[in-house]
Amino acid sequence: MVLPAWIFGKFRYAAEPFSPRKIHRSPAFRTVVCVHHPAPAGTTCFMSTIYPSEGQRMPVMNKSLSLPQYSTPQLTMLVILRVLIGWHFLYEGVAKMMNPNWTAASFLLESKWIFAPVFHFMATNATLLSIVNFMNIWGLTAIGLGLIVGCCTRLAAVSGMFMLLLYYVCNPPFAGLTYSLPSEGSYLIVNKNLVEMFALGVLVLFPTGSIIGLDRFFAVTRRPAGKAA
């Protein structure tokens, strides 16, 4: 099995499992050799440096890097979770975009926790409010699209976590805090923003875009023309 490996701007391959191929002498460069195991462990990558003067592979990294390995049910649930959260973000962004009268001012003015002065200042400053409105509309839309199609999924998930954290600290569901805006449920400490934020954390730790998503096309797909002499 021939497996691609990223080499700081170049690509090299392991032609056969457990048998590294010979490499032409060239200026020293670092390479990652991927070896496919028959055991369930999957594929493991090792980083090494080629010194052409000696023609030897000198290890520079003892720790192996295991690529993500998911079972079919695990992958299915992770992708479904990613798409569902992506749809929620995308629809929120598009709905705000289609409403010319939408503004974040009312939400910001509702803030009652320790960060309330900061959010109130954003709501009363026209310039800052326009920036907040723009970032909400296009941030939600871009994050949603990224999660749905699996493009820059980790960046999209981290960005989504940051937005949800801002929503949470602006209007946290803490005891003693009451809000005039209608709520779709009753919350205490934990609300949908907090739950969705940690769900995105799961997608950051267990990414799927490189398996099912556009991130897959950023990986190396070409194979070597032939064996090196």
Protein backbone atom coordinates (compact mmCIF):
# COMPACT_ATOMS: atom_id res chain seq x y z
CA MET A 1 0.00 0.00 0.00
CA VAL A 2 1.44 3.35 -1.02
CA LEU A 3 0.68 6.11 1.47
CA PRO A 4 1.26 9.88 1.03
CA ALA A 5 3.17 11.91 3.61
CA TRP A 6 3.58 15.64 4.10
CA ILE A 7 7.16 16.88 3.99
CA PHE A 8 7.27 20.60 4.65
CA GLY A 9 6.20 21.52 1.14
CA LYS A 10 7.38 18.30 -0.56
CA PHE A 11 5.91 14.83 -0.72
CA ARG A 12 7.52 11.45 -0.23
CA TYR A 13 6.00 8.00 0.00
CA ALA A 14 6.58 4.70 1.72
CA ALA A 15 6.53 2.31 -1.25
CA GLU A 16 5.98 -0.84 0.80
CA PRO A 17 4.74 -1.47 4.35
CA PHE A 18 7.62 -1.46 6.84
CA SER A 19 10.22 -1.10 4.07
CA PRO A 20 11.41 2.48 3.42
CA ARG A 21 12.48 3.21 -0.11
CA LYS A 22 15.88 4.58 -1.07
CA ILE A 23 15.99 8.32 -1.61
CA HIS A 24 18.31 10.17 -4.01
CA ARG A 25 20.93 12.28 -2.35
CA SER A 26 19.77 15.87 -2.17
CA PRO A 27 19.96 18.77 0.31
CA ALA A 28 18.90 17.61 3.75
CA PHE A 29 15.17 17.73 4.32
CA ARG A 30 12.69 16.37 6.80
CA THR A 31 10.25 13.70 5.80
CA VAL A 32 7.36 11.82 7.34
CA VAL A 33 7.17 8.11 6.59
CA CYS A 34 3.72 6.54 6.88
CA VAL A 35 3.52 2.82 7.58
CA HIS A 36 0.32 0.81 7.33
CA HIS A 37 -0.12 -1.82 10.04
CA PRO A 38 -2.26 -4.89 9.53
CA ALA A 39 -3.35 -4.54 13.17
CA PRO A 40 -6.37 -2.34 14.09
CA ALA A 41 -4.00 0.44 15.10
CA GLY A 42 -4.18 1.72 11.53
CA THR A 43 -1.62 4.04 9.99
CA THR A 44 1.29 5.53 11.89
CA CYS A 45 3.56 8.37 10.81
CA PHE A 46 7.16 8.88 11.88
CA MET A 47 9.22 11.99 11.29
CA SER A 48 12.86 11.67 10.31
CA THR A 49 15.64 13.68 8.71
CA ILE A 50 17.64 12.62 5.67
CA TYR A 51 21.34 13.45 5.73
CA PRO A 52 22.58 12.91 2.15
CA SER A 53 26.23 12.86 3.13
CA GLU A 54 25.74 9.66 5.12
CA GLY A 55 22.68 8.49 3.20
CA GLN A 56 21.01 7.58 6.49
CA ARG A 57 17.63 8.28 8.01
CA MET A 58 18.25 9.78 11.44
CA PRO A 59 15.26 9.83 13.79
CA VAL A 60 14.32 13.24 15.12
CA MET A 61 11.03 12.27 16.69
CA ASN A 62 10.42 9.24 18.87
CA LYS A 63 6.71 9.74 19.28
CA SER A 64 4.52 8.28 16.54
CA LEU A 65 1.52 10.20 15.23
CA SER A 66 -1.58 8.04 14.79
CA LEU A 67 -4.00 9.24 12.16
CA PRO A 68 -7.71 9.46 13.10
CA GLN A 69 -9.39 6.08 12.97
CA TYR A 70 -13.17 5.87 13.45
CA SER A 71 -15.57 3.01 13.18
CA THR A 72 -18.48 3.43 10.78
CA PRO A 73 -21.01 4.29 13.54
CA GLN A 74 -18.57 6.76 15.13
CA LEU A 75 -17.86 8.48 11.82
CA THR A 76 -21.56 8.58 10.95
CA MET A 77 -22.54 10.22 14.23
CA LEU A 78 -19.68 12.72 14.10
CA VAL A 79 -20.56 13.79 10.56
CA ILE A 80 -24.27 14.05 11.44
CA LEU A 81 -23.41 16.17 14.48
CA ARG A 82 -21.19 18.40 12.33
CA VAL A 83 -23.87 18.91 9.68
CA LEU A 84 -26.65 19.56 12.22
CA ILE A 85 -24.66 22.25 14.03
CA GLY A 86 -23.58 23.65 10.67
CA TRP A 87 -27.19 23.92 9.53
CA HIS A 88 -28.15 25.71 12.77
CA PHE A 89 -25.37 28.27 12.28
CA LEU A 90 -26.08 28.70 8.57
CA TYR A 91 -29.80 29.23 9.02
CA GLU A 92 -29.26 31.71 11.85
CA GLY A 93 -26.91 33.71 9.64
CA VAL A 94 -29.14 33.63 6.55
CA ALA A 95 -32.26 34.54 8.56
CA LYS A 96 -30.49 37.61 9.96
CA MET A 97 -29.17 38.47 6.50
CA MET A 98 -32.66 38.36 4.98
CA ASN A 99 -34.09 40.62 7.68
CA PRO A 100 -33.03 44.21 6.95
CA ASN A 101 -34.27 45.36 10.38
CA TRP A 102 -32.26 42.83 12.39
CA THR A 103 -29.73 44.16 14.87
CA ALA A 104 -27.87 42.72 17.85
CA ALA A 105 -28.60 45.83 19.95
CA SER A 106 -31.50 44.35 21.91
CA PHE A 107 -29.50 41.22 22.77
CA LEU A 108 -26.50 43.27 23.88
CA LEU A 109 -28.60 45.63 25.99
CA GLU A 110 -30.07 42.62 27.82
CA SER A 111 -26.66 41.71 29.27
CA LYS A 112 -26.72 41.72 33.09
CA TRP A 113 -23.57 39.88 34.15
CA ILE A 114 -20.06 41.18 34.89
CA PHE A 115 -19.42 41.91 31.22
CA ALA A 116 -22.62 43.95 30.87
CA PRO A 117 -20.82 47.33 30.59
CA VAL A 118 -18.80 46.05 27.63
CA PHE A 119 -21.84 44.74 25.76
CA HIS A 120 -23.88 47.84 26.58
CA PHE A 121 -21.09 49.99 25.12
CA MET A 122 -21.16 47.92 21.93
CA ALA A 123 -24.91 48.43 21.64
CA THR A 124 -24.76 52.19 22.12
CA ASN A 125 -21.80 52.80 19.80
CA ALA A 126 -23.03 52.91 16.20
CA THR A 127 -19.69 51.91 14.69
CA LEU A 128 -19.16 48.97 17.01
CA LEU A 129 -22.75 47.85 16.59
CA SER A 130 -22.41 47.77 12.81
CA ILE A 131 -19.27 45.64 13.19
CA VAL A 132 -21.04 43.30 15.61
CA ASN A 133 -23.99 42.95 13.23
CA PHE A 134 -21.68 42.21 10.29
CA MET A 135 -19.64 39.65 12.25
CA ASN A 136 -22.78 37.92 13.48
CA ILE A 137 -24.39 37.61 10.05
CA TRP A 138 -21.35 36.57 8.06
CA GLY A 139 -19.63 34.72 10.89
CA LEU A 140 -22.64 32.47 11.44
CA THR A 141 -23.04 31.93 7.69
CA ALA A 142 -19.38 31.11 7.06
CA ILE A 143 -19.10 28.80 10.06
CA GLY A 144 -22.28 26.98 9.05
CA LEU A 145 -21.10 26.46 5.47
CA GLY A 146 -17.69 25.30 6.64
CA LEU A 147 -19.18 22.69 8.95
CA ILE A 148 -21.71 21.42 6.43
CA VAL A 149 -19.32 20.95 3.53
CA GLY A 150 -16.34 20.00 5.72
CA CYS A 151 -14.10 22.89 4.67
CA CYS A 152 -11.64 24.18 7.30
CA THR A 153 -13.72 22.25 9.80
CA ARG A 154 -11.43 22.76 12.79
CA LEU A 155 -11.21 26.51 12.17
CA ALA A 156 -14.98 26.67 11.73
CA ALA A 157 -15.58 24.70 14.93
CA VAL A 158 -13.19 26.83 17.00
CA SER A 159 -14.73 30.02 15.59
CA GLY A 160 -18.18 28.71 16.42
CA MET A 161 -17.09 27.94 19.99
CA PHE A 162 -15.82 31.50 20.37
CA MET A 163 -19.10 32.98 19.12
CA LEU A 164 -21.16 30.76 21.40
CA LEU A 165 -18.95 31.70 24.35
CA LEU A 166 -19.67 35.39 23.66
CA TYR A 167 -23.41 34.66 23.49
CA TYR A 168 -23.19 32.76 26.77
CA VAL A 169 -21.28 35.37 28.79
CA CYS A 170 -23.49 38.14 27.40
CA ASN A 171 -26.69 36.59 28.76
CA PRO A 172 -25.78 33.68 31.05
CA PRO A 173 -28.58 31.61 32.61
CA PHE A 174 -27.50 32.23 36.18
CA ALA A 175 -29.75 32.35 39.24
CA GLY A 176 -31.05 35.83 39.97
CA LEU A 177 -30.69 37.10 36.39
CA THR A 178 -33.93 37.75 34.54
CA TYR A 179 -34.30 38.84 30.94
CA SER A 180 -37.12 40.57 29.14
CA LEU A 181 -36.46 38.77 25.86
CA PRO A 182 -38.59 35.62 25.55
CA SER A 183 -36.81 32.33 26.17
CA GLU A 184 -37.69 29.03 24.51
CA GLY A 185 -37.12 27.10 27.74
CA SER A 186 -36.03 27.24 31.36
CA TYR A 187 -32.30 27.16 32.01
CA LEU A 188 -29.99 27.23 35.00
CA ILE A 189 -26.24 27.51 34.24
CA VAL A 190 -26.58 25.20 31.24
CA ASN A 191 -28.34 26.43 28.10
CA LYS A 192 -28.27 25.52 24.42
CA ASN A 193 -25.30 27.82 23.75
CA LEU A 194 -23.16 26.00 26.31
CA VAL A 195 -24.22 22.57 25.08
CA GLU A 196 -23.55 23.46 21.44
CA MET A 197 -20.19 24.99 22.36
CA PHE A 198 -19.00 21.73 23.91
CA ALA A 199 -20.44 19.76 20.98
CA LEU A 200 -18.21 21.84 18.71
CA GLY A 201 -15.33 21.01 21.06
CA VAL A 202 -15.94 17.34 20.27
CA LEU A 203 -15.69 18.13 16.55
CA VAL A 204 -12.41 19.95 17.15
CA LEU A 205 -10.91 16.93 18.92
CA PHE A 206 -12.42 14.40 16.50
CA PRO A 207 -12.34 16.05 13.06
CA THR A 208 -14.07 14.44 10.09
CA GLY A 209 -13.61 17.00 7.30
CA SER A 210 -10.55 15.21 5.93
CA ILE A 211 -12.57 11.99 5.71
CA ILE A 212 -15.97 13.25 4.56
CA GLY A 213 -15.70 16.84 3.43
CA LEU A 214 -13.83 19.29 1.22
CA ASP A 215 -10.82 19.11 3.54
CA ARG A 216 -10.18 15.72 1.94
CA PHE A 217 -9.18 17.39 -1.33
CA PHE A 218 -6.44 19.39 0.38
CA ALA A 219 -4.64 16.13 1.16
CA VAL A 220 -2.12 14.61 -1.22
CA THR A 221 -3.81 12.46 -3.84
CA ARG A 222 -1.04 11.89 -6.35
CA ARG A 223 1.09 8.73 -6.31
CA PRO A 224 4.78 8.48 -7.07
CA ALA A 225 5.76 7.98 -10.72
CA GLY A 226 8.07 5.10 -9.85
CA LYS A 227 10.57 3.78 -7.40
CA ALA A 228 13.66 5.77 -6.66
CA ALA A 229 16.93 4.32 -7.81
